[in-house]
């Protein structure tokens, strides 16, 4: 009996050291050497202080900033999940209608004006850092008014959105998108 258990115990410890220590250290080292910013979490710094990550959405509720898409977890990265409400959910329907009313009201949109779906529904992770360029453009009026911008400065906001619009990967994967954190950092840098 001991003869058959001893090899199993040795194999358990060998695989634990190999897959639990050596492999993760090797991959971390390679990742840090080849992709240092990404391996460190794609952190954005301002005045030598971290302000966020390119990969994780943040809450911006102040009307002076562009808003991200809604989050079911209030942008807390620890639980990272969606609501799991399906298309027939009455709770989801009420949330979407409430978000639509608020977005329309806060951004001075007419009743028939279309709102991009990402501004009405949360992402699967609740942490999506991107919105569509259309969603950003619809927020210009609110941001300009809150910052007391004149017509010329408002036009600069559109140029800023264009500058921070990321194209589909490899020209065909995904949709054009705007990282809200990068856009708001650039917004604060406008003079």
Protein backbone atom coordinates (compact mmCIF):
# COMPACT_ATOMS: atom_id res chain seq x y z
CA UNK A 1 0.00 0.00 0.00
CA UNK A 2 2.76 2.45 0.97
CA UNK A 3 4.60 1.53 -2.24
CA UNK A 4 1.72 2.77 -4.38
CA UNK A 5 1.03 5.95 -2.31
CA UNK A 6 4.67 7.13 -2.14
CA UNK A 7 5.02 7.76 -5.93
CA UNK A 8 1.69 9.60 -5.91
CA UNK A 9 2.87 11.88 -3.07
CA UNK A 10 6.18 12.54 -4.85
CA UNK A 11 4.37 13.36 -8.08
CA UNK A 12 1.98 15.66 -6.20
CA UNK A 13 4.87 17.69 -4.71
CA UNK A 14 6.77 17.75 -8.00
CA UNK A 15 3.76 19.04 -9.93
CA UNK A 16 2.94 21.54 -7.16
CA UNK A 17 6.42 23.04 -7.35
CA UNK A 18 6.48 22.93 -11.15
CA UNK A 19 2.99 24.35 -11.85
CA UNK A 20 2.55 26.37 -8.67
CA UNK A 21 5.94 28.11 -8.49
CA UNK A 22 8.35 27.58 -11.38
CA UNK A 23 5.89 28.04 -14.26
CA UNK A 24 4.19 31.20 -12.84
CA UNK A 25 7.58 32.78 -12.06
CA UNK A 26 8.85 31.99 -15.55
CA UNK A 27 5.76 33.42 -17.26
CA UNK A 28 5.78 36.50 -15.01
CA UNK A 29 9.44 37.10 -15.81
CA UNK A 30 8.89 36.74 -19.56
CA UNK A 31 5.81 38.97 -19.43
CA UNK A 32 7.62 41.63 -17.42
CA UNK A 33 10.57 41.61 -19.81
CA UNK A 34 8.56 41.70 -23.05
CA UNK A 35 5.51 43.71 -21.96
CA UNK A 36 6.45 45.70 -18.83
CA UNK A 37 3.50 48.13 -18.84
CA UNK A 38 0.90 45.44 -19.44
CA UNK A 39 2.44 43.08 -16.87
CA UNK A 40 2.27 45.89 -14.30
CA UNK A 41 -1.47 46.36 -14.92
CA UNK A 42 -1.43 49.06 -17.63
CA UNK A 43 -1.39 51.72 -14.93
CA UNK A 44 -1.84 55.38 -15.90
CA UNK A 45 0.04 57.89 -13.81
CA UNK A 46 -0.40 61.61 -13.42
CA UNK A 47 2.21 63.64 -11.56
CA UNK A 48 3.94 60.36 -10.61
CA UNK A 49 0.84 59.02 -8.89
CA UNK A 50 -1.28 56.14 -10.22
CA UNK A 51 -4.78 57.25 -11.20
CA UNK A 52 -6.12 54.10 -12.80
CA UNK A 53 -5.67 51.32 -15.31
CA UNK A 54 -6.35 51.32 -19.03
CA UNK A 55 -8.08 47.98 -18.54
CA UNK A 56 -10.55 48.76 -15.74
CA UNK A 57 -13.45 51.20 -15.99
CA UNK A 58 -13.81 53.87 -13.35
CA UNK A 59 -16.75 55.80 -12.02
CA UNK A 60 -17.08 59.37 -13.27
CA UNK A 61 -20.30 60.92 -11.98
CA UNK A 62 -19.29 64.60 -12.17
CA UNK A 63 -20.94 66.31 -15.17
CA UNK A 64 -17.55 67.86 -16.05
CA UNK A 65 -16.33 64.45 -17.21
CA UNK A 66 -17.33 61.93 -19.84
CA UNK A 67 -19.20 59.05 -18.25
CA UNK A 68 -18.47 55.36 -18.76
CA UNK A 69 -21.07 52.70 -19.31
CA UNK A 70 -23.07 51.61 -16.25
CA UNK A 71 -21.62 49.06 -13.84
CA UNK A 72 -23.63 46.55 -11.80
CA UNK A 73 -20.77 46.40 -9.27
CA UNK A 74 -20.17 50.15 -8.96
CA UNK A 75 -16.76 49.77 -10.67
CA UNK A 76 -15.36 47.60 -7.86
CA UNK A 77 -12.89 45.23 -9.55
CA UNK A 78 -13.03 42.54 -6.85
CA UNK A 79 -16.34 40.86 -7.70
CA UNK A 80 -16.12 41.66 -11.46
CA UNK A 81 -19.44 40.42 -12.80
CA UNK A 82 -22.58 41.48 -14.59
CA UNK A 83 -26.14 41.33 -13.43
CA UNK A 84 -27.00 38.13 -15.35
CA UNK A 85 -30.43 39.61 -16.16
CA UNK A 86 -31.74 38.22 -19.42
CA UNK A 87 -33.65 40.03 -22.15
CA UNK A 88 -36.99 39.04 -20.63
CA UNK A 89 -36.08 40.35 -17.15
CA UNK A 90 -38.44 43.02 -15.85
CA UNK A 91 -35.65 44.30 -13.57
CA UNK A 92 -33.33 44.82 -16.55
CA UNK A 93 -36.11 46.55 -18.50
CA UNK A 94 -36.69 48.97 -15.61
CA UNK A 95 -32.94 49.63 -15.26
CA UNK A 96 -32.60 50.36 -18.98
CA UNK A 97 -35.60 52.71 -18.96
CA UNK A 98 -34.25 54.53 -15.90
CA UNK A 99 -30.76 54.84 -17.41
CA UNK A 100 -32.25 56.04 -20.70
CA UNK A 101 -34.28 58.72 -18.93
CA UNK A 102 -31.27 59.87 -16.88
CA UNK A 103 -28.85 59.87 -19.84
CA UNK A 104 -31.33 61.72 -22.03
CA UNK A 105 -32.02 64.30 -19.33
CA UNK A 106 -28.39 64.81 -18.24
CA UNK A 107 -27.16 65.18 -21.84
CA UNK A 108 -30.06 67.29 -23.17
CA UNK A 109 -31.14 64.74 -25.79
CA UNK A 110 -34.44 64.84 -27.62
CA UNK A 111 -36.99 62.10 -27.05
CA UNK A 112 -36.38 60.42 -30.41
CA UNK A 113 -32.59 60.67 -30.36
CA UNK A 114 -30.88 57.28 -30.29
CA UNK A 115 -28.69 56.34 -27.33
CA UNK A 116 -25.94 53.75 -27.79
CA UNK A 117 -26.79 50.50 -25.96
CA UNK A 118 -23.57 50.55 -23.90
CA UNK A 119 -24.86 53.62 -22.05
CA UNK A 120 -28.00 51.73 -21.04
CA UNK A 121 -26.63 48.30 -20.13
CA UNK A 122 -23.67 47.18 -18.05
CA UNK A 123 -20.91 45.05 -19.51
CA UNK A 124 -20.50 41.42 -18.53
CA UNK A 125 -17.60 42.26 -16.21
CA UNK A 126 -19.03 45.57 -14.97
CA UNK A 127 -15.59 47.09 -15.61
CA UNK A 128 -15.48 47.88 -19.34
CA UNK A 129 -13.27 50.97 -19.75
CA UNK A 130 -14.56 51.85 -23.24
CA UNK A 131 -17.57 53.52 -24.78
CA UNK A 132 -18.36 54.11 -28.45
CA UNK A 133 -17.36 57.39 -30.08
CA UNK A 134 -21.09 58.08 -30.52
CA UNK A 135 -21.67 57.75 -26.77
CA UNK A 136 -18.82 60.19 -26.12
CA UNK A 137 -20.09 62.68 -28.72
CA UNK A 138 -23.56 62.68 -27.13
CA UNK A 139 -21.96 63.87 -23.86
CA UNK A 140 -20.19 66.93 -25.30
CA UNK A 141 -23.06 69.31 -24.51
CA UNK A 142 -23.14 68.36 -20.83
CA UNK A 143 -19.35 68.44 -20.41
CA UNK A 144 -19.07 71.79 -22.22
CA UNK A 145 -21.85 73.34 -20.14
CA UNK A 146 -20.41 72.03 -16.85
CA UNK A 147 -16.97 73.43 -17.75
CA UNK A 148 -18.46 76.68 -19.08
CA UNK A 149 -16.89 76.15 -22.50
CA UNK A 150 -17.65 78.45 -25.42
CA UNK A 151 -18.42 77.20 -28.93
CA UNK A 152 -14.74 76.94 -29.93
CA UNK A 153 -13.83 74.95 -26.83
CA UNK A 154 -16.82 72.65 -27.43
CA UNK A 155 -15.49 71.91 -30.91
CA UNK A 156 -12.15 70.99 -29.34
CA UNK A 157 -13.98 68.31 -27.34
CA UNK A 158 -15.03 66.63 -30.59
CA UNK A 159 -11.42 66.76 -31.81
CA UNK A 160 -10.32 65.25 -28.49
CA UNK A 161 -12.78 62.38 -28.89
CA UNK A 162 -11.52 61.78 -32.43
CA UNK A 163 -7.93 61.73 -31.19
CA UNK A 164 -8.70 59.18 -28.47
CA UNK A 165 -10.87 56.91 -30.61
CA UNK A 166 -9.19 53.54 -30.94
CA UNK A 167 -9.77 51.77 -34.24
CA UNK A 168 -10.72 48.08 -34.52
CA UNK A 169 -7.78 45.79 -33.81
CA UNK A 170 -5.95 44.82 -37.00
CA UNK A 171 -8.48 46.97 -38.83
CA UNK A 172 -11.29 44.44 -38.46
CA UNK A 173 -11.65 43.05 -34.91
CA UNK A 174 -14.09 44.88 -32.70
CA UNK A 175 -15.62 48.33 -33.01
CA UNK A 176 -14.16 51.82 -32.72
CA UNK A 177 -13.98 52.69 -29.03
CA UNK A 178 -12.88 55.41 -26.63
CA UNK A 179 -11.15 54.72 -23.32
CA UNK A 180 -13.04 56.97 -20.89
CA UNK A 181 -10.15 57.35 -18.43
CA UNK A 182 -7.71 58.44 -21.15
CA UNK A 183 -10.30 60.84 -22.55
CA UNK A 184 -10.95 62.41 -19.15
CA UNK A 185 -7.21 62.75 -18.39
CA UNK A 186 -6.78 64.51 -21.71
CA UNK A 187 -9.85 66.64 -20.94
CA UNK A 188 -8.26 67.88 -17.73
CA UNK A 189 -5.16 68.80 -19.73
CA UNK A 190 -7.08 71.07 -22.12
CA UNK A 191 -6.44 74.77 -21.75
